[in-house]
Amino acid sequence: MNHRTYLPLGLLCAALMSGCSQTATDTASTNPDTEQWQTLFNGKDLNDWTIKIAGYELNENALNTFQVKDGKLIVSYDEYDTFKGRNGHIFYNQPFSHYRIKIEYRFVGEQAAGAPDWAWRNNGIMYHAQSPQSMAFEQGYPACMEVQLLGGNGTDERHTSNLVTPGSHAVYNGELREDHIIESTSKTYHGDQWVSAELEVHGDDLAIHRVEGEEVIRYSGMQLDDGTPLTEGYIALQAESAPIEFRSVKLLNLKGCMDPEASNYKSYFVANDPEACEY
């Protein structure tokens, strides 16, 4: 008698699907045109981040300002009696130079009592920032470039993803500008709606802000006030008295192996890192 072993239909389908899924994953990871986005915020904890709030020691999360709730990274002022200038930032623990970062954010709730009017529904994505470890105890802002995030008041025009320059400058429309704020051309986003913001940055050569996929400003020549080029640095999310939620923070590194013979070559890289090549 010819003995044969048969898999139940359900197990056979599952095995086939698993194999196909693995093959698709492998193919995607080796395809030089497939973008490999990195999730910076895992939706569970802040283990990959460092907190610095003015007037507090490194990683002292004063009054539970930064929280993770329902899979979102939250800036909360529920435990504050008054703001008292306690500007805060939460830094991702790795510096980058060439990349795209996408976040989804929304403003919620009421501004902290005692905060200035200009800070109403006003936060930011700080990039090419100094490290949190290098900030002074009372320092309110890192030296960096900033993608300013603003919410509308329900009536007036108020652009978001503006360029702000804490301790820095940039070249805009061919001119070195010392303005603290250069406004974008974005729409105004009123209420508590989710907004998608993206920054693409190539060292100090180029920066592009996009909102909901549309370019709203571009500039170059990022530098500190003393003229030192800002070619790389840390990414931080700001807490400037406005409660805000982030439900997604993802990054696509644009620096890597640019040798087409390498297994980890990607066609979208704009800066070469020969030491990263794998063969």
Protein backbone atom coordinates (compact mmCIF):
# COMPACT_ATOMS: atom_id res chain seq x y z
CA MET A 1 0.00 0.00 0.00
CA ASN A 2 1.27 3.47 -0.86
CA HIS A 3 1.12 5.56 2.34
CA ARG A 4 0.80 9.30 1.88
CA THR A 5 0.59 12.10 4.43
CA TYR A 6 -1.92 14.83 3.73
CA LEU A 7 -2.03 18.21 5.43
CA PRO A 8 -5.49 19.45 6.38
CA LEU A 9 -6.62 22.07 3.85
CA GLY A 10 -6.47 24.90 6.39
CA LEU A 11 -2.89 24.10 7.40
CA LEU A 12 -1.83 23.70 3.78
CA CYS A 13 -3.28 27.14 2.89
CA ALA A 14 -1.64 28.69 5.93
CA ALA A 15 1.71 27.19 5.02
CA LEU A 16 1.44 28.41 1.45
CA MET A 17 0.39 31.89 2.56
CA SER A 18 3.22 32.07 5.07
CA GLY A 19 5.73 31.12 2.41
CA CYS A 20 4.32 33.66 -0.04
CA SER A 21 4.27 36.35 2.63
CA GLN A 22 7.90 35.65 3.58
CA THR A 23 8.93 35.74 -0.08
CA ALA A 24 7.14 39.07 -0.58
CA THR A 25 8.83 40.51 2.52
CA ASP A 26 12.26 39.33 1.40
CA THR A 27 11.71 40.71 -2.09
CA ALA A 28 10.55 44.07 -0.73
CA SER A 29 13.57 44.38 1.58
CA THR A 30 16.03 43.69 -1.26
CA ASN A 31 14.25 45.74 -3.92
CA PRO A 32 16.40 48.89 -4.28
CA ASP A 33 13.31 51.00 -4.98
CA THR A 34 11.31 49.91 -1.91
CA GLU A 35 11.32 52.55 0.81
CA GLN A 36 12.22 51.20 4.24
CA TRP A 37 10.61 53.48 6.81
CA GLN A 38 11.71 53.31 10.44
CA THR A 39 9.14 53.74 13.21
CA LEU A 40 10.61 56.17 15.75
CA PHE A 41 7.67 56.09 18.16
CA ASN A 42 6.58 52.51 18.86
CA GLY A 43 3.19 53.39 20.37
CA LYS A 44 4.09 51.65 23.65
CA ASP A 45 6.77 53.57 25.54
CA LEU A 46 9.39 56.34 25.37
CA ASN A 47 12.43 54.09 25.73
CA ASP A 48 14.13 55.47 22.60
CA TRP A 49 13.62 59.09 23.63
CA THR A 50 15.24 61.58 26.01
CA ILE A 51 13.28 64.32 27.80
CA LYS A 52 14.63 67.80 28.56
CA ILE A 53 12.39 70.40 30.20
CA ALA A 54 13.71 73.85 31.13
CA GLY A 55 14.56 73.97 34.83
CA TYR A 56 14.70 70.18 35.25
CA GLU A 57 17.37 67.54 34.99
CA LEU A 58 17.76 65.37 31.90
CA ASN A 59 14.96 62.79 31.64
CA GLU A 60 12.98 64.34 34.51
CA ASN A 61 9.45 64.21 33.10
CA ALA A 62 8.11 67.17 35.09
CA LEU A 63 4.42 66.88 35.98
CA ASN A 64 4.04 63.97 33.58
CA THR A 65 4.33 66.30 30.58
CA PHE A 66 5.16 63.54 28.08
CA GLN A 67 2.94 60.47 28.12
CA VAL A 68 1.97 57.44 26.05
CA LYS A 69 -1.77 56.87 25.95
CA ASP A 70 -3.87 54.74 23.60
CA GLY A 71 -0.90 54.26 21.29
CA LYS A 72 -0.18 57.98 21.02
CA LEU A 73 2.68 60.17 22.26
CA ILE A 74 0.95 62.94 24.20
CA VAL A 75 2.00 66.33 25.56
CA SER A 76 -0.24 67.01 28.55
CA TYR A 77 -0.58 69.92 31.00
CA ASP A 78 -3.26 68.35 33.19
CA GLU A 79 -0.94 68.42 36.23
CA TYR A 80 0.28 72.02 35.77
CA ASP A 81 -1.11 74.85 37.87
CA THR A 82 0.68 77.40 35.66
CA PHE A 83 3.19 77.08 32.82
CA LYS A 84 6.07 79.15 34.28
CA GLY A 85 8.11 79.00 31.08
CA ARG A 86 8.74 75.26 31.36
CA ASN A 87 9.35 74.64 27.67
CA GLY A 88 10.08 71.01 26.99
CA HIS A 89 11.39 68.76 24.24
CA ILE A 90 11.58 65.02 23.76
CA PHE A 91 14.55 63.92 21.64
CA TYR A 92 14.95 60.75 19.62
CA ASN A 93 18.20 59.16 20.76
CA GLN A 94 19.94 58.99 17.36
CA PRO A 95 21.16 61.88 15.18
CA PHE A 96 20.46 61.97 11.43
CA SER A 97 21.64 64.10 8.51
CA HIS A 98 19.68 63.13 5.36
CA TYR A 99 16.14 61.84 5.76
CA ARG A 100 12.41 62.27 5.47
CA ILE A 101 10.33 62.33 8.64
CA LYS A 102 6.54 62.05 8.66
CA ILE A 103 4.34 62.72 11.67
CA GLU A 104 0.61 62.78 12.25
CA TYR A 105 -0.44 65.27 14.92
CA ARG A 106 -3.42 67.08 16.32
CA PHE A 107 -3.90 69.81 18.90
CA VAL A 108 -6.36 69.01 21.70
CA GLY A 109 -7.64 70.64 24.87
CA GLU A 110 -6.71 73.92 26.52
CA GLN A 111 -3.38 75.72 26.68
CA ALA A 112 -1.54 75.63 29.99
CA ALA A 113 -2.46 78.54 32.27
CA GLY A 114 0.02 81.39 32.35
CA ALA A 115 1.50 80.67 28.91
CA PRO A 116 1.94 83.45 26.32
CA ASP A 117 -0.79 84.03 23.74
CA TRP A 118 1.55 83.41 20.80
CA ALA A 119 2.16 79.86 22.06
CA TRP A 120 -1.54 78.89 21.71
CA ARG A 121 -1.72 75.69 19.63
CA ASN A 122 1.94 76.16 18.79
CA ASN A 123 4.54 73.37 18.91
CA GLY A 124 7.20 72.09 16.56
CA ILE A 125 9.47 69.45 15.10
CA MET A 126 13.02 70.46 15.96
CA TYR A 127 15.72 69.05 13.68
CA HIS A 128 19.51 69.26 13.31
CA ALA A 129 19.29 70.03 17.03
CA GLN A 130 22.04 69.98 19.61
CA SER A 131 21.92 66.94 21.88
CA PRO A 132 19.71 67.12 24.98
CA GLN A 133 22.80 66.31 27.06
CA SER A 134 24.45 69.53 25.87
CA MET A 135 21.56 71.80 26.87
CA ALA A 136 21.89 74.07 29.89
CA PHE A 137 19.68 73.48 32.93
CA GLU A 138 17.40 76.48 32.28
CA GLN A 139 17.68 76.43 28.48
CA GLY A 140 14.25 76.68 26.88
CA TYR A 141 15.08 75.66 23.30
CA PRO A 142 17.86 73.69 21.63
CA ALA A 143 19.88 75.40 18.92
CA CYS A 144 18.32 73.90 15.81
CA MET A 145 15.99 74.35 12.86
CA GLU A 146 12.26 74.06 13.52
CA VAL A 147 9.20 72.99 11.57
CA GLN A 148 6.55 75.02 13.41
CA LEU A 149 3.21 73.28 13.97
CA LEU A 150 0.25 75.63 14.39
CA GLY A 151 -3.48 75.06 14.84
CA GLY A 152 -6.22 77.39 13.62
CA ASN A 153 -8.65 79.23 15.89
CA GLY A 154 -11.70 78.44 13.77
CA THR A 155 -11.76 81.79 12.00
CA ASP A 156 -8.42 83.30 11.04
CA GLU A 157 -5.78 82.14 8.57
CA ARG A 158 -2.83 80.55 10.36
CA HIS A 159 -0.28 78.62 8.34
CA THR A 160 1.40 75.52 9.74
CA SER A 161 4.82 73.99 8.97
CA ASN A 162 6.49 77.39 8.99
CA LEU A 163 10.26 77.71 9.33
CA VAL A 164 11.42 78.89 12.77
CA THR A 165 15.08 79.51 13.60
CA PRO A 166 16.02 79.18 17.30
CA GLY A 167 19.72 80.10 17.32
CA SER A 168 19.93 79.53 13.58
CA HIS A 169 19.45 80.97 10.07
CA ALA A 170 18.72 79.67 6.57
CA VAL A 171 18.85 80.72 2.94
CA TYR A 172 15.34 81.35 1.58
CA ASN A 173 14.71 82.39 -2.04
CA GLY A 174 18.44 82.83 -2.51
CA GLU A 175 18.91 85.18 0.47
CA LEU A 176 20.35 84.48 3.92
CA ARG A 177 17.48 85.37 6.21
CA GLU A 178 17.69 86.27 9.88
CA ASP A 179 13.91 86.32 10.40
CA HIS A 180 12.86 84.19 13.34
CA ILE A 181 9.80 82.95 11.42
CA ILE A 182 9.31 82.48 7.68
CA GLU A 183 5.75 81.47 6.88
CA SER A 184 4.80 78.57 4.65
CA THR A 185 2.00 78.51 2.09
CA SER A 186 0.00 75.82 3.89
CA LYS A 187 -3.72 75.77 4.49
CA THR A 188 -5.09 76.49 7.96
CA TYR A 189 -6.15 73.47 10.01
CA HIS A 190 -8.81 74.33 12.57
CA GLY A 191 -10.10 72.25 15.45
CA ASP A 192 -8.80 68.91 16.65
CA GLN A 193 -8.31 67.33 13.21
CA TRP A 194 -5.34 65.10 12.45
CA VAL A 195 -2.72 66.65 10.17
CA SER A 196 0.12 64.93 8.30
CA ALA A 197 3.39 66.89 8.26
CA GLU A 198 6.61 65.87 6.54
CA LEU A 199 10.14 67.22 6.51
CA GLU A 200 12.72 66.21 3.91
CA VAL A 201 16.25 67.34 4.70
CA HIS A 202 19.58 66.82 2.91
CA GLY A 203 22.30 67.88 5.36
CA ASP A 204 22.55 71.67 5.09
CA ASP A 205 21.86 71.67 1.34
CA LEU A 206 18.07 71.45 1.26
CA ALA A 207 14.98 71.28 3.45
CA ILE A 208 11.39 70.85 2.25
CA HIS A 209 8.25 71.04 4.43
CA ARG A 210 5.14 69.23 3.20
CA VAL A 211 1.63 69.22 4.66
CA GLU A 212 -0.80 66.51 3.58
CA GLY A 213 1.68 65.64 0.82
CA GLU A 214 1.92 69.17 -0.62
CA GLU A 215 5.12 71.23 -0.52
CA VAL A 216 4.64 74.43 1.49
CA ILE A 217 8.19 75.81 1.84
CA ARG A 218 11.78 74.96 0.88
CA TYR A 219 15.12 76.51 1.84
CA SER A 220 18.82 75.69 2.19
CA GLY A 221 22.02 76.83 3.89
CA MET A 222 20.92 75.85 7.39
CA GLN A 223 23.39 77.23 9.93
CA LEU A 224 23.87 78.39 13.48
CA ASP A 225 23.84 82.10 14.32
CA ASP A 226 27.65 82.14 14.11
CA GLY A 227 27.61 80.69 10.59
CA THR A 228 28.49 77.10 11.51
CA PRO A 229 26.72 74.83 8.97
CA LEU A 230 23.98 72.63 10.41
CA THR A 231 24.57 69.36 8.57
CA GLU A 232 23.10 66.90 11.08
CA GLY A 233 21.68 66.59 14.57
CA TYR A 234 18.87 65.31 16.72
CA ILE A 235 15.11 65.31 16.14
CA ALA A 236 12.85 66.54 18.94
CA LEU A 237 9.13 67.09 19.44
CA GLN A 238 8.25 70.26 21.29
CA ALA A 239 6.07 70.98 24.33
CA GLU A 240 5.51 74.74 24.34
CA SER A 241 2.33 74.95 26.49
CA ALA A 242 -0.10 73.51 23.91
CA PRO A 243 -1.49 69.99 24.48
CA ILE A 244 -0.84 67.87 21.40
CA GLU A 245 -0.99 64.24 20.31
CA PHE A 246 1.28 62.38 17.90
CA ARG A 247 -0.05 59.08 16.59
CA SER A 248 2.71 58.35 14.09
CA VAL A 249 6.39 59.32 13.88
CA LYS A 250 8.28 57.62 11.03
CA LEU A 251 11.61 58.24 9.35
CA LEU A 252 13.11 57.24 6.01
CA ASN A 253 16.89 57.47 6.12
CA LEU A 254 18.27 58.95 2.89
CA LYS A 255 21.89 58.21 3.78
CA GLY A 256 23.25 54.72 3.13
CA CYS A 257 25.16 52.48 0.78
CA MET A 258 25.03 53.85 -2.77
CA ASP A 259 26.95 50.99 -4.41
CA PRO A 260 24.48 49.14 -6.69
CA GLU A 261 26.49 45.94 -6.16
CA ALA A 262 25.69 45.91 -2.42
CA SER A 263 22.73 43.96 -1.07
CA ASN A 264 21.49 46.97 0.91
CA TYR A 265 21.75 49.53 -1.90
CA LYS A 266 18.73 51.80 -2.23
CA SER A 267 18.02 53.96 -5.27
CA TYR A 268 16.55 56.78 -3.17
CA PHE A 269 19.67 57.46 -1.07
CA VAL A 270 21.05 60.98 -1.58
CA ALA A 271 24.14 60.71 0.67
CA ASN A 272 26.66 57.89 0.56
CA ASP A 273 27.81 55.87 3.57
CA PRO A 274 30.35 53.35 2.21
CA GLU A 275 30.84 51.77 5.64
CA ALA A 276 27.20 50.67 5.63
CA CYS A 277 27.56 48.54 2.49
CA GLU A 278 26.81 44.83 2.78
CA TYR A 279 27.92 42.28 0.16
